[in-house]
Amino acid sequence: MRTARTGSVQVHIDAPPGRVWALLSHLDRMGEWSPECYRVEWEDGASSPAVPGARFRGWNRYGLLKWSVACVVKTAVPEKELSWSTLVRGKEMVTWTYRLEPSGGGVDLVESFEVHWLPISARIAEDYLMADRDRRREQAMRQTLGRIKVLAEAESGS
């Protein structure tokens, strides 16, 4: 069994791109939005994703499994795109991207992932311990975007 190596979900948010970006640029709030990533801490003196190369650590859970992973910001284009890669021994595993696309007086927010490489331990976990990984990942991504939508629309008065 192999899980998906790419995927994306999208939500329309009735808020300006700047409001949505203001939320996204606080990655340390990810634990409020994501059902899988419950904590983010900046490393090496970084405090925001403003600069590609900024590093942070994310703590995740999936059922009874818990783990943390090093991450590095790849792109940080205000009001357009934020992406980062998870790293193991300095090697990129997965790139996560949030893209903001102006639409209908608001913004379409797209969350996507692309798996580049997985160490054997992660492949075993995904293939055997996370049998419903694809369904739950998509569900988690939709939940994350839904929570960002609620916050962005509430804070913009929509």
N, C-alpha and C. Protein backbone atom coordinates (compact mmCIF):
# COMPACT_ATOMS: atom_id res chain seq x y z
N MET A 1 0.85 -1.17 0.00
CA MET A 1 0.00 0.00 0.00
C MET A 1 0.90 1.24 0.00
N ARG A 2 0.52 2.24 -0.80
CA ARG A 2 1.26 3.51 -0.81
C ARG A 2 0.25 4.63 -0.70
N THR A 3 0.60 5.66 0.05
CA THR A 3 -0.27 6.80 0.18
C THR A 3 0.06 7.83 -0.89
N ALA A 4 -0.85 8.78 -1.09
CA ALA A 4 -0.67 9.83 -2.09
C ALA A 4 0.61 10.61 -1.83
N ARG A 5 1.26 11.02 -2.88
CA ARG A 5 2.49 11.79 -2.76
C ARG A 5 2.29 13.26 -3.09
N THR A 6 1.10 13.63 -3.55
CA THR A 6 0.74 15.03 -3.76
C THR A 6 -0.75 15.18 -3.45
N GLY A 7 -1.15 16.39 -3.16
CA GLY A 7 -2.57 16.66 -2.93
C GLY A 7 -2.77 18.12 -2.61
N SER A 8 -4.03 18.56 -2.76
CA SER A 8 -4.35 19.94 -2.42
C SER A 8 -5.83 20.06 -2.10
N VAL A 9 -6.14 21.08 -1.32
CA VAL A 9 -7.52 21.45 -1.02
C VAL A 9 -7.60 22.97 -1.11
N GLN A 10 -8.82 23.47 -1.26
CA GLN A 10 -9.01 24.91 -1.45
C GLN A 10 -10.27 25.36 -0.74
N VAL A 11 -10.24 26.60 -0.26
CA VAL A 11 -11.42 27.22 0.34
C VAL A 11 -11.45 28.68 -0.09
N HIS A 12 -12.66 29.20 -0.29
CA HIS A 12 -12.79 30.63 -0.57
C HIS A 12 -13.00 31.35 0.76
N ILE A 13 -12.28 32.45 0.93
CA ILE A 13 -12.37 33.24 2.16
C ILE A 13 -12.80 34.65 1.78
N ASP A 14 -13.88 35.11 2.39
CA ASP A 14 -14.37 36.48 2.16
C ASP A 14 -13.61 37.44 3.07
N ALA A 15 -12.36 37.65 2.73
CA ALA A 15 -11.48 38.56 3.46
C ALA A 15 -10.37 38.95 2.49
N PRO A 16 -9.78 40.11 2.71
CA PRO A 16 -8.69 40.52 1.82
C PRO A 16 -7.44 39.64 2.01
N PRO A 17 -6.62 39.52 0.95
CA PRO A 17 -5.41 38.71 1.06
C PRO A 17 -4.52 39.12 2.23
N GLY A 18 -4.45 40.40 2.54
CA GLY A 18 -3.61 40.85 3.65
C GLY A 18 -4.05 40.27 4.99
N ARG A 19 -5.35 40.14 5.18
CA ARG A 19 -5.87 39.57 6.44
C ARG A 19 -5.52 38.09 6.54
N VAL A 20 -5.67 37.39 5.43
CA VAL A 20 -5.35 35.95 5.42
C VAL A 20 -3.85 35.76 5.62
N TRP A 21 -3.05 36.58 4.95
CA TRP A 21 -1.59 36.49 5.10
C TRP A 21 -1.19 36.77 6.55
N ALA A 22 -1.84 37.74 7.17
CA ALA A 22 -1.50 38.07 8.56
C ALA A 22 -1.68 36.85 9.47
N LEU A 23 -2.67 36.04 9.20
CA LEU A 23 -2.85 34.81 9.98
C LEU A 23 -1.77 33.78 9.62
N LEU A 24 -1.63 33.50 8.33
CA LEU A 24 -0.67 32.49 7.89
C LEU A 24 0.75 32.78 8.34
N SER A 25 1.11 34.05 8.37
CA SER A 25 2.49 34.40 8.71
C SER A 25 2.80 34.18 10.19
N HIS A 26 1.80 33.78 10.94
CA HIS A 26 2.01 33.40 12.35
C HIS A 26 1.93 31.87 12.44
N LEU A 27 2.90 31.21 11.85
CA LEU A 27 2.90 29.75 11.84
C LEU A 27 2.87 29.14 13.23
N ASP A 28 3.33 29.91 14.22
CA ASP A 28 3.29 29.39 15.58
C ASP A 28 1.85 29.24 16.09
N ARG A 29 0.87 29.71 15.31
CA ARG A 29 -0.54 29.49 15.63
C ARG A 29 -1.11 28.24 14.96
N MET A 30 -0.29 27.51 14.22
CA MET A 30 -0.76 26.33 13.48
C MET A 30 -1.51 25.36 14.38
N GLY A 31 -1.10 25.24 15.62
CA GLY A 31 -1.79 24.34 16.55
C GLY A 31 -3.25 24.70 16.78
N GLU A 32 -3.62 25.94 16.53
CA GLU A 32 -5.03 26.36 16.64
C GLU A 32 -5.85 25.88 15.44
N TRP A 33 -5.18 25.67 14.32
CA TRP A 33 -5.90 25.38 13.07
C TRP A 33 -5.84 23.92 12.68
N SER A 34 -4.69 23.29 12.84
CA SER A 34 -4.47 21.95 12.32
C SER A 34 -4.83 20.87 13.33
N PRO A 35 -5.54 19.83 12.89
CA PRO A 35 -5.80 18.72 13.79
C PRO A 35 -4.58 17.79 13.92
N GLU A 36 -3.55 17.96 13.06
CA GLU A 36 -2.37 17.11 13.14
C GLU A 36 -1.17 17.82 13.76
N CYS A 37 -0.87 19.02 13.30
CA CYS A 37 0.26 19.78 13.86
C CYS A 37 -0.26 20.55 15.07
N TYR A 38 0.23 20.21 16.24
CA TYR A 38 -0.31 20.83 17.44
C TYR A 38 0.61 21.88 18.07
N ARG A 39 1.84 22.02 17.52
CA ARG A 39 2.75 23.01 18.08
C ARG A 39 3.84 23.35 17.07
N VAL A 40 4.21 24.63 17.02
CA VAL A 40 5.30 25.11 16.18
C VAL A 40 6.17 26.03 17.02
N GLU A 41 7.48 25.84 16.93
CA GLU A 41 8.41 26.74 17.61
C GLU A 41 9.50 27.15 16.64
N TRP A 42 9.75 28.45 16.58
CA TRP A 42 10.81 28.98 15.73
C TRP A 42 12.16 28.62 16.32
N GLU A 43 13.16 28.43 15.45
CA GLU A 43 14.51 28.06 15.88
C GLU A 43 15.53 29.06 15.33
N ASP A 44 16.71 29.01 15.87
CA ASP A 44 17.85 29.81 15.39
C ASP A 44 17.54 31.30 15.34
N GLY A 45 16.74 31.79 16.29
CA GLY A 45 16.45 33.21 16.36
C GLY A 45 15.34 33.70 15.45
N ALA A 46 14.78 32.84 14.64
CA ALA A 46 13.68 33.24 13.76
C ALA A 46 12.42 33.45 14.59
N SER A 47 11.53 34.31 14.11
CA SER A 47 10.25 34.53 14.80
C SER A 47 9.10 34.63 13.82
N SER A 48 9.38 34.50 12.52
CA SER A 48 8.32 34.53 11.51
C SER A 48 8.89 33.94 10.22
N PRO A 49 7.99 33.63 9.28
CA PRO A 49 8.45 33.07 8.01
C PRO A 49 8.84 34.14 7.00
N ALA A 50 9.15 35.35 7.47
CA ALA A 50 9.42 36.47 6.57
C ALA A 50 10.59 36.22 5.64
N VAL A 51 11.51 35.37 6.04
CA VAL A 51 12.71 35.16 5.25
C VAL A 51 12.84 33.68 4.87
N PRO A 52 12.92 33.38 3.57
CA PRO A 52 13.20 31.99 3.21
C PRO A 52 14.49 31.54 3.91
N GLY A 53 14.47 30.32 4.40
CA GLY A 53 15.60 29.80 5.17
C GLY A 53 15.33 29.81 6.67
N ALA A 54 14.29 30.55 7.11
CA ALA A 54 13.93 30.54 8.53
C ALA A 54 13.56 29.11 8.93
N ARG A 55 13.97 28.73 10.14
CA ARG A 55 13.75 27.35 10.59
C ARG A 55 12.80 27.30 11.78
N PHE A 56 12.04 26.22 11.80
CA PHE A 56 11.15 25.96 12.94
C PHE A 56 11.00 24.46 13.10
N ARG A 57 10.43 24.07 14.22
CA ARG A 57 10.13 22.67 14.49
C ARG A 57 8.64 22.55 14.67
N GLY A 58 8.06 21.53 14.03
CA GLY A 58 6.64 21.26 14.17
C GLY A 58 6.42 19.94 14.90
N TRP A 59 5.45 19.92 15.81
CA TRP A 59 5.08 18.72 16.55
C TRP A 59 3.73 18.25 16.02
N ASN A 60 3.66 16.97 15.67
CA ASN A 60 2.46 16.40 15.05
C ASN A 60 1.96 15.19 15.81
N ARG A 61 0.69 14.90 15.54
CA ARG A 61 0.09 13.67 16.09
C ARG A 61 -0.87 13.11 15.05
N TYR A 62 -0.95 11.81 15.06
CA TYR A 62 -1.86 11.08 14.19
C TYR A 62 -2.30 9.87 14.98
N GLY A 63 -3.52 9.93 15.49
CA GLY A 63 -3.96 8.85 16.38
C GLY A 63 -3.06 8.81 17.60
N LEU A 64 -2.48 7.66 17.87
CA LEU A 64 -1.59 7.49 19.03
C LEU A 64 -0.15 7.87 18.71
N LEU A 65 0.18 8.07 17.43
CA LEU A 65 1.55 8.43 17.04
C LEU A 65 1.81 9.91 17.27
N LYS A 66 2.99 10.23 17.78
CA LYS A 66 3.43 11.62 17.96
C LYS A 66 4.87 11.72 17.49
N TRP A 67 5.20 12.85 16.84
CA TRP A 67 6.57 13.06 16.38
C TRP A 67 6.79 14.55 16.16
N SER A 68 8.05 14.93 16.05
CA SER A 68 8.38 16.30 15.69
C SER A 68 9.30 16.25 14.48
N VAL A 69 9.32 17.36 13.75
CA VAL A 69 10.12 17.41 12.53
C VAL A 69 10.67 18.81 12.33
N ALA A 70 11.91 18.88 11.87
CA ALA A 70 12.52 20.16 11.53
C ALA A 70 11.93 20.66 10.22
N CYS A 71 11.81 21.98 10.10
CA CYS A 71 11.24 22.58 8.90
C CYS A 71 12.03 23.82 8.51
N VAL A 72 12.02 24.11 7.21
CA VAL A 72 12.68 25.31 6.71
C VAL A 72 11.74 26.01 5.73
N VAL A 73 11.61 27.33 5.88
CA VAL A 73 10.76 28.12 4.99
C VAL A 73 11.40 28.16 3.61
N LYS A 74 10.61 27.86 2.59
CA LYS A 74 11.07 27.88 1.20
C LYS A 74 10.69 29.19 0.51
N THR A 75 9.42 29.56 0.61
CA THR A 75 8.94 30.81 0.02
C THR A 75 8.11 31.57 1.03
N ALA A 76 8.22 32.90 0.97
CA ALA A 76 7.42 33.77 1.84
C ALA A 76 7.16 35.06 1.06
N VAL A 77 6.15 35.01 0.21
CA VAL A 77 5.78 36.15 -0.62
C VAL A 77 4.48 36.71 -0.04
N PRO A 78 4.55 37.84 0.70
CA PRO A 78 3.36 38.37 1.36
C PRO A 78 2.15 38.43 0.43
N GLU A 79 1.04 37.96 0.98
CA GLU A 79 -0.27 37.95 0.31
C GLU A 79 -0.32 37.06 -0.92
N LYS A 80 0.71 36.22 -1.13
CA LYS A 80 0.73 35.34 -2.31
C LYS A 80 1.02 33.87 -1.97
N GLU A 81 2.15 33.61 -1.28
CA GLU A 81 2.54 32.22 -1.07
C GLU A 81 3.45 32.07 0.14
N LEU A 82 3.20 30.98 0.87
CA LEU A 82 4.06 30.58 1.98
C LEU A 82 4.28 29.08 1.83
N SER A 83 5.54 28.67 1.86
CA SER A 83 5.81 27.23 1.79
C SER A 83 7.00 26.89 2.68
N TRP A 84 7.03 25.64 3.09
CA TRP A 84 8.16 25.13 3.87
C TRP A 84 8.31 23.65 3.58
N SER A 85 9.50 23.16 3.85
CA SER A 85 9.78 21.74 3.70
C SER A 85 10.11 21.15 5.05
N THR A 86 9.65 19.91 5.25
CA THR A 86 10.06 19.16 6.42
C THR A 86 11.39 18.48 6.08
N LEU A 87 12.24 18.35 7.09
CA LEU A 87 13.60 17.84 6.88
C LEU A 87 13.92 16.68 7.80
N VAL A 88 14.64 15.71 7.28
CA VAL A 88 15.24 14.65 8.09
C VAL A 88 16.69 14.55 7.66
N ARG A 89 17.58 14.72 8.62
CA ARG A 89 19.02 14.72 8.35
C ARG A 89 19.37 15.68 7.21
N GLY A 90 18.69 16.83 7.19
CA GLY A 90 18.96 17.85 6.20
C GLY A 90 18.35 17.60 4.83
N LYS A 91 17.66 16.49 4.67
CA LYS A 91 17.06 16.14 3.38
C LYS A 91 15.56 16.47 3.38
N GLU A 92 15.10 17.12 2.30
CA GLU A 92 13.69 17.49 2.21
C GLU A 92 12.79 16.26 2.06
N MET A 93 11.78 16.20 2.93
CA MET A 93 10.81 15.12 2.83
C MET A 93 9.56 15.59 2.10
N VAL A 94 8.89 16.57 2.68
CA VAL A 94 7.60 17.03 2.15
C VAL A 94 7.61 18.55 2.10
N THR A 95 7.11 19.11 1.01
CA THR A 95 6.92 20.56 0.93
C THR A 95 5.44 20.86 1.09
N TRP A 96 5.13 21.74 2.01
CA TRP A 96 3.77 22.22 2.26
C TRP A 96 3.67 23.65 1.73
N THR A 97 2.61 23.95 0.99
CA THR A 97 2.46 25.27 0.39
C THR A 97 1.05 25.81 0.64
N TYR A 98 0.99 27.09 0.99
CA TYR A 98 -0.27 27.83 1.06
C TYR A 98 -0.19 28.92 0.00
N ARG A 99 -1.12 28.91 -0.95
CA ARG A 99 -1.18 29.90 -2.01
C ARG A 99 -2.45 30.71 -1.87
N LEU A 100 -2.32 32.02 -1.98
CA LEU A 100 -3.46 32.94 -1.90
C LEU A 100 -3.73 33.46 -3.31
N GLU A 101 -4.97 33.26 -3.78
CA GLU A 101 -5.35 33.69 -5.11
C GLU A 101 -6.56 34.60 -5.00
N PRO A 102 -6.42 35.91 -5.32
CA PRO A 102 -7.57 36.82 -5.24
C PRO A 102 -8.73 36.28 -6.07
N SER A 103 -9.94 36.36 -5.50
CA SER A 103 -11.12 35.81 -6.17
C SER A 103 -12.38 36.39 -5.55
N GLY A 104 -13.24 36.93 -6.37
CA GLY A 104 -14.57 37.36 -5.92
C GLY A 104 -14.55 38.30 -4.74
N GLY A 105 -13.65 39.24 -4.69
CA GLY A 105 -13.59 40.18 -3.58
C GLY A 105 -12.95 39.60 -2.33
N GLY A 106 -12.48 38.39 -2.40
CA GLY A 106 -11.80 37.76 -1.28
C GLY A 106 -10.58 37.03 -1.79
N VAL A 107 -10.37 35.84 -1.27
CA VAL A 107 -9.20 35.08 -1.68
C VAL A 107 -9.52 33.58 -1.64
N ASP A 108 -9.02 32.86 -2.63
CA ASP A 108 -9.03 31.40 -2.57
C ASP A 108 -7.72 30.99 -1.93
N LEU A 109 -7.81 30.26 -0.83
CA LEU A 109 -6.63 29.77 -0.14
C LEU A 109 -6.47 28.29 -0.49
N VAL A 110 -5.30 27.96 -1.04
CA VAL A 110 -5.01 26.59 -1.46
C VAL A 110 -3.90 26.04 -0.58
N GLU A 111 -4.13 24.91 0.04
CA GLU A 111 -3.09 24.21 0.79
C GLU A 111 -2.72 22.97 -0.01
N SER A 112 -1.42 22.75 -0.22
CA SER A 112 -0.99 21.58 -0.97
C SER A 112 0.26 20.98 -0.33
N PHE A 113 0.52 19.74 -0.71
CA PHE A 113 1.73 19.08 -0.25
C PHE A 113 2.32 18.27 -1.40
N GLU A 114 3.63 18.09 -1.34
CA GLU A 114 4.33 17.25 -2.29
C GLU A 114 5.40 16.47 -1.54
N VAL A 115 5.30 15.16 -1.58
CA VAL A 115 6.28 14.30 -0.92
C VAL A 115 7.46 14.12 -1.88
N HIS A 116 8.66 14.44 -1.40
CA HIS A 116 9.87 14.28 -2.20
C HIS A 116 10.57 12.96 -1.87
N TRP A 117 10.60 12.63 -0.59
CA TRP A 117 11.33 11.47 -0.12
C TRP A 117 10.87 11.17 1.30
N LEU A 118 10.82 9.91 1.65
CA LEU A 118 10.50 9.52 3.02
C LEU A 118 11.50 8.48 3.49
N PRO A 119 12.02 8.65 4.72
CA PRO A 119 12.89 7.60 5.26
C PRO A 119 12.07 6.33 5.49
N ILE A 120 12.72 5.22 5.59
CA ILE A 120 12.04 3.93 5.73
C ILE A 120 11.07 3.93 6.90
N SER A 121 11.43 4.56 8.03
CA SER A 121 10.54 4.57 9.20
C SER A 121 9.23 5.29 8.88
N ALA A 122 9.29 6.38 8.12
CA ALA A 122 8.07 7.10 7.74
C ALA A 122 7.25 6.30 6.73
N ARG A 123 7.91 5.62 5.81
CA ARG A 123 7.18 4.80 4.83
C ARG A 123 6.43 3.67 5.54
N ILE A 124 7.09 3.03 6.50
CA ILE A 124 6.44 1.95 7.25
C ILE A 124 5.24 2.50 8.02
N ALA A 125 5.46 3.64 8.70
CA ALA A 125 4.36 4.24 9.47
C ALA A 125 3.19 4.57 8.57
N GLU A 126 3.45 5.21 7.43
CA GLU A 126 2.35 5.59 6.53
C GLU A 126 1.67 4.37 5.92
N ASP A 127 2.44 3.38 5.52
CA ASP A 127 1.86 2.24 4.82
C ASP A 127 1.14 1.27 5.75
N TYR A 128 1.57 1.19 7.00
CA TYR A 128 0.98 0.18 7.88
C TYR A 128 0.27 0.74 9.10
N LEU A 129 0.80 1.80 9.71
CA LEU A 129 0.19 2.33 10.92
C LEU A 129 -0.84 3.42 10.63
N MET A 130 -0.79 3.98 9.42
CA MET A 130 -1.71 5.06 9.04
C MET A 130 -2.50 4.63 7.81
N ALA A 131 -3.21 3.53 7.94
CA ALA A 131 -3.88 2.92 6.78
C ALA A 131 -4.86 3.87 6.08
N ASP A 132 -5.47 4.76 6.81
CA ASP A 132 -6.43 5.69 6.21
C ASP A 132 -5.82 7.08 6.05
N ARG A 133 -4.51 7.14 5.85
CA ARG A 133 -3.76 8.39 5.81
C ARG A 133 -4.29 9.38 4.78
N ASP A 134 -4.57 8.95 3.56
CA ASP A 134 -5.02 9.88 2.52
C ASP A 134 -6.33 10.56 2.91
N ARG A 135 -7.30 9.77 3.33
CA ARG A 135 -8.60 10.34 3.71
C ARG A 135 -8.44 11.30 4.89
N ARG A 136 -7.71 10.88 5.89
CA ARG A 136 -7.54 11.72 7.08
C ARG A 136 -6.71 12.96 6.80
N ARG A 137 -5.71 12.85 5.91
CA ARG A 137 -4.90 14.02 5.56
C ARG A 137 -5.76 15.06 4.86
N GLU A 138 -6.56 14.64 3.88
CA GLU A 138 -7.42 15.59 3.18
C GLU A 138 -8.42 16.22 4.15
N GLN A 139 -8.99 15.41 5.02
CA GLN A 139 -9.93 15.90 6.03
C GLN A 139 -9.24 16.92 6.94
N ALA A 140 -8.02 16.65 7.36
CA ALA A 140 -7.27 17.56 8.22
C ALA A 140 -6.95 18.87 7.50
N MET A 141 -6.57 18.77 6.23
CA MET A 141 -6.28 19.97 5.45
C MET A 141 -7.54 20.84 5.32
N ARG A 142 -8.67 20.21 5.05
CA ARG A 142 -9.93 20.96 4.94
C ARG A 142 -10.28 21.62 6.28
N GLN A 143 -10.06 20.90 7.36
CA GLN A 143 -10.34 21.45 8.69
C GLN A 143 -9.42 22.64 8.98
N THR A 144 -8.15 22.53 8.63
CA THR A 144 -7.20 23.62 8.82
C THR A 144 -7.66 24.86 8.06
N LEU A 145 -7.97 24.70 6.77
CA LEU A 145 -8.42 25.84 5.96
C LEU A 145 -9.74 26.41 6.49
N GLY A 146 -10.61 25.55 6.94
CA GLY A 146 -11.89 26.01 7.50
C GLY A 146 -11.70 26.87 8.73
N ARG A 147 -10.77 26.49 9.58
CA ARG A 147 -10.50 27.27 10.79
C ARG A 147 -9.86 28.61 10.45
N ILE A 148 -8.96 28.62 9.47
CA ILE A 148 -8.36 29.89 9.03
C ILE A 148 -9.44 30.79 8.43
N LYS A 149 -10.33 30.20 7.65
CA LYS A 149 -11.44 30.96 7.03
C LYS A 149 -12.30 31.65 8.11
N VAL A 150 -12.68 30.89 9.11
CA VAL A 150 -13.52 31.45 10.18
C VAL A 150 -12.81 32.63 10.84
N LEU A 151 -11.56 32.47 11.17
CA LEU A 151 -10.81 33.55 11.82
C LEU A 151 -10.66 34.77 10.91
N ALA A 152 -10.28 34.53 9.64
CA ALA A 152 -10.07 35.65 8.71
C ALA A 152 -11.36 36.41 8.45
N GLU A 153 -12.46 35.71 8.28
CA GLU A 153 -13.73 36.37 8.02
C GLU A 153 -14.25 37.10 9.25
N ALA A 154 -14.05 36.52 10.43
CA ALA A 154 -14.49 37.18 11.66
C ALA A 154 -13.69 38.45 11.92
N GLU A 155 -12.40 38.37 11.69
CA GLU A 155 -11.52 39.52 11.97
C GLU A 155 -11.65 40.61 10.92
N SER A 156 -12.16 40.26 9.73
CA SER A 156 -12.32 41.28 8.70
C SER A 156 -13.73 41.84 8.69
N GLY A 157 -14.60 41.28 9.53
CA GLY A 157 -15.97 41.77 9.62
C GLY A 157 -16.88 41.23 8.55
N SER A 158 -16.47 40.17 7.84
CA SER A 158 -17.31 39.58 6.78
C SER A 158 -18.37 38.69 7.38
